[in-house]
Amino acid sequence: MPKSDNRRPILNSSEVAKLFGITRATLYRWLKKEKIPEPMINPDTGQRIWRQGDLDAIASFIRREKTRD
């Protein structure tokens, strides 16, 4: 897993999906529907850069969805 430094991991979309037990398609659908905020984009590669704040937002969204069931 790439890291920006020893404390702040940076994950790619596949790693984020795996972390939360969802598919990348689900992750992208949540982004498209603005359920979770869009992370930063690496200007060199065009890939999303998922940081801790982004992961916290996803976790919060999942918790809210679970309480609605």
N, C-alpha and C. Protein backbone atom coordinates (compact mmCIF):
# COMPACT_ATOMS: atom_id res chain seq x y z
N MET A 1 0.85 -1.18 0.00
CA MET A 1 0.00 0.00 0.00
C MET A 1 0.89 1.23 0.00
N PRO A 2 0.68 2.15 -0.93
CA PRO A 2 1.48 3.38 -0.94
C PRO A 2 1.18 4.24 0.28
N LYS A 3 2.17 4.96 0.74
CA LYS A 3 1.97 5.82 1.92
C LYS A 3 2.55 7.19 1.65
N SER A 4 1.86 8.21 2.16
CA SER A 4 2.39 9.56 2.06
C SER A 4 3.45 9.81 3.14
N ASP A 5 3.27 9.19 4.29
CA ASP A 5 4.27 9.16 5.35
C ASP A 5 3.85 8.04 6.29
N ASN A 6 4.49 7.91 7.43
CA ASN A 6 4.21 6.78 8.33
C ASN A 6 2.85 6.84 9.01
N ARG A 7 2.20 8.01 9.03
CA ARG A 7 0.94 8.16 9.77
C ARG A 7 -0.27 8.27 8.86
N ARG A 8 -0.10 8.67 7.60
CA ARG A 8 -1.22 9.03 6.75
C ARG A 8 -1.26 8.15 5.50
N PRO A 9 -1.96 7.01 5.56
CA PRO A 9 -2.00 6.14 4.38
C PRO A 9 -2.78 6.78 3.23
N ILE A 10 -2.36 6.44 2.05
CA ILE A 10 -3.09 6.80 0.84
C ILE A 10 -3.48 5.49 0.17
N LEU A 11 -4.77 5.34 -0.09
CA LEU A 11 -5.26 4.11 -0.70
C LEU A 11 -5.79 4.40 -2.09
N ASN A 12 -5.77 3.38 -2.95
CA ASN A 12 -6.43 3.52 -4.24
C ASN A 12 -7.86 2.99 -4.10
N SER A 13 -8.65 3.13 -5.13
CA SER A 13 -10.07 2.78 -5.06
C SER A 13 -10.27 1.29 -4.78
N SER A 14 -9.44 0.45 -5.37
CA SER A 14 -9.56 -1.00 -5.12
C SER A 14 -9.31 -1.33 -3.65
N GLU A 15 -8.31 -0.68 -3.08
CA GLU A 15 -7.99 -0.92 -1.66
C GLU A 15 -9.12 -0.42 -0.76
N VAL A 16 -9.70 0.71 -1.10
CA VAL A 16 -10.82 1.25 -0.30
C VAL A 16 -12.02 0.31 -0.38
N ALA A 17 -12.34 -0.15 -1.57
CA ALA A 17 -13.47 -1.07 -1.73
C ALA A 17 -13.24 -2.33 -0.91
N LYS A 18 -12.05 -2.88 -0.98
CA LYS A 18 -11.73 -4.09 -0.22
C LYS A 18 -11.83 -3.84 1.28
N LEU A 19 -11.32 -2.69 1.73
CA LEU A 19 -11.35 -2.33 3.14
C LEU A 19 -12.78 -2.34 3.69
N PHE A 20 -13.73 -1.83 2.90
CA PHE A 20 -15.11 -1.73 3.35
C PHE A 20 -15.99 -2.90 2.90
N GLY A 21 -15.42 -3.85 2.19
CA GLY A 21 -16.18 -5.02 1.77
C GLY A 21 -17.23 -4.70 0.72
N ILE A 22 -16.91 -3.77 -0.17
CA ILE A 22 -17.82 -3.38 -1.25
C ILE A 22 -17.07 -3.51 -2.57
N THR A 23 -17.80 -3.38 -3.67
CA THR A 23 -17.15 -3.39 -4.97
C THR A 23 -16.74 -1.97 -5.35
N ARG A 24 -15.82 -1.88 -6.30
CA ARG A 24 -15.47 -0.56 -6.81
C ARG A 24 -16.68 0.10 -7.46
N ALA A 25 -17.53 -0.71 -8.10
CA ALA A 25 -18.74 -0.16 -8.73
C ALA A 25 -19.62 0.52 -7.68
N THR A 26 -19.75 -0.08 -6.51
CA THR A 26 -20.53 0.52 -5.42
C THR A 26 -19.88 1.83 -4.97
N LEU A 27 -18.59 1.81 -4.81
CA LEU A 27 -17.87 3.02 -4.40
C LEU A 27 -18.09 4.14 -5.41
N TYR A 28 -17.98 3.83 -6.69
CA TYR A 28 -18.18 4.84 -7.74
C TYR A 28 -19.63 5.30 -7.81
N ARG A 29 -20.56 4.40 -7.54
CA ARG A 29 -21.98 4.77 -7.53
C ARG A 29 -22.25 5.76 -6.40
N TRP A 30 -21.68 5.52 -5.23
CA TRP A 30 -21.85 6.43 -4.10
C TRP A 30 -21.27 7.80 -4.44
N LEU A 31 -20.14 7.82 -5.14
CA LEU A 31 -19.55 9.09 -5.56
C LEU A 31 -20.47 9.81 -6.53
N LYS A 32 -20.96 9.08 -7.52
CA LYS A 32 -21.83 9.69 -8.54
C LYS A 32 -23.10 10.26 -7.94
N LYS A 33 -23.65 9.55 -6.94
CA LYS A 33 -24.88 10.00 -6.29
C LYS A 33 -24.59 10.99 -5.15
N GLU A 34 -23.32 11.35 -4.99
CA GLU A 34 -22.87 12.30 -3.97
C GLU A 34 -23.22 11.86 -2.55
N LYS A 35 -23.17 10.56 -2.34
CA LYS A 35 -23.38 10.01 -0.99
C LYS A 35 -22.12 10.17 -0.15
N ILE A 36 -20.96 10.17 -0.82
CA ILE A 36 -19.67 10.38 -0.18
C ILE A 36 -18.93 11.46 -0.98
N PRO A 37 -18.05 12.20 -0.31
CA PRO A 37 -17.33 13.27 -1.03
C PRO A 37 -16.27 12.70 -1.98
N GLU A 38 -16.05 13.41 -3.06
CA GLU A 38 -15.02 13.03 -4.03
C GLU A 38 -13.65 13.27 -3.40
N PRO A 39 -12.76 12.27 -3.43
CA PRO A 39 -11.41 12.49 -2.89
C PRO A 39 -10.56 13.29 -3.87
N MET A 40 -9.37 13.63 -3.44
CA MET A 40 -8.44 14.32 -4.32
C MET A 40 -8.07 13.41 -5.50
N ILE A 41 -7.71 14.03 -6.60
CA ILE A 41 -7.27 13.30 -7.78
C ILE A 41 -5.77 13.56 -7.97
N ASN A 42 -5.02 12.50 -8.19
CA ASN A 42 -3.61 12.65 -8.49
C ASN A 42 -3.49 13.28 -9.87
N PRO A 43 -2.93 14.48 -9.98
CA PRO A 43 -2.89 15.15 -11.28
C PRO A 43 -2.01 14.44 -12.31
N ASP A 44 -1.07 13.64 -11.84
CA ASP A 44 -0.18 12.93 -12.76
C ASP A 44 -0.82 11.68 -13.35
N THR A 45 -1.64 11.00 -12.55
CA THR A 45 -2.21 9.72 -13.00
C THR A 45 -3.72 9.77 -13.24
N GLY A 46 -4.38 10.78 -12.66
CA GLY A 46 -5.84 10.85 -12.75
C GLY A 46 -6.54 9.92 -11.79
N GLN A 47 -5.79 9.21 -10.96
CA GLN A 47 -6.39 8.29 -9.98
C GLN A 47 -6.82 9.03 -8.73
N ARG A 48 -7.85 8.49 -8.09
CA ARG A 48 -8.31 9.06 -6.83
C ARG A 48 -7.32 8.73 -5.72
N ILE A 49 -7.14 9.70 -4.82
CA ILE A 49 -6.25 9.55 -3.67
C ILE A 49 -7.14 9.56 -2.43
N TRP A 50 -7.31 8.41 -1.83
CA TRP A 50 -8.18 8.26 -0.66
C TRP A 50 -7.33 8.40 0.60
N ARG A 51 -7.66 9.40 1.40
CA ARG A 51 -6.95 9.65 2.66
C ARG A 51 -7.87 9.35 3.84
N GLN A 52 -7.34 9.51 5.02
CA GLN A 52 -8.08 9.14 6.23
C GLN A 52 -9.43 9.85 6.32
N GLY A 53 -9.49 11.12 6.01
CA GLY A 53 -10.76 11.85 6.07
C GLY A 53 -11.79 11.26 5.12
N ASP A 54 -11.33 10.81 3.95
CA ASP A 54 -12.23 10.18 2.99
C ASP A 54 -12.76 8.86 3.54
N LEU A 55 -11.87 8.10 4.17
CA LEU A 55 -12.27 6.81 4.76
C LEU A 55 -13.26 7.04 5.90
N ASP A 56 -13.04 8.08 6.69
CA ASP A 56 -13.96 8.40 7.78
C ASP A 56 -15.35 8.75 7.23
N ALA A 57 -15.39 9.48 6.11
CA ALA A 57 -16.67 9.86 5.49
C ALA A 57 -17.41 8.62 4.99
N ILE A 58 -16.68 7.67 4.42
CA ILE A 58 -17.31 6.43 3.94
C ILE A 58 -17.85 5.63 5.12
N ALA A 59 -17.05 5.51 6.18
CA ALA A 59 -17.49 4.78 7.36
C ALA A 59 -18.74 5.41 7.96
N SER A 60 -18.77 6.72 8.01
CA SER A 60 -19.93 7.44 8.54
C SER A 60 -21.17 7.19 7.68
N PHE A 61 -20.99 7.24 6.37
CA PHE A 61 -22.10 6.97 5.46
C PHE A 61 -22.64 5.56 5.66
N ILE A 62 -21.76 4.59 5.77
CA ILE A 62 -22.18 3.20 5.96
C ILE A 62 -22.93 3.05 7.27
N ARG A 63 -22.44 3.69 8.33
CA ARG A 63 -23.15 3.62 9.63
C ARG A 63 -24.54 4.21 9.53
N ARG A 64 -24.67 5.35 8.84
CA ARG A 64 -25.99 5.97 8.67
C ARG A 64 -26.92 5.07 7.90
N GLU A 65 -26.44 4.44 6.86
CA GLU A 65 -27.25 3.55 6.05
C GLU A 65 -27.72 2.33 6.85
N LYS A 66 -26.86 1.81 7.69
CA LYS A 66 -27.21 0.64 8.51
C LYS A 66 -28.28 0.98 9.52
N THR A 67 -28.27 2.20 10.05
CA THR A 67 -29.28 2.58 11.04
C THR A 67 -30.64 2.83 10.39
N ARG A 68 -30.64 3.07 9.06
CA ARG A 68 -31.91 3.29 8.35
C ARG A 68 -32.64 1.99 8.08
N ASP A 69 -31.93 0.87 8.11
CA ASP A 69 -32.55 -0.43 7.81
C ASP A 69 -33.48 -0.89 8.88
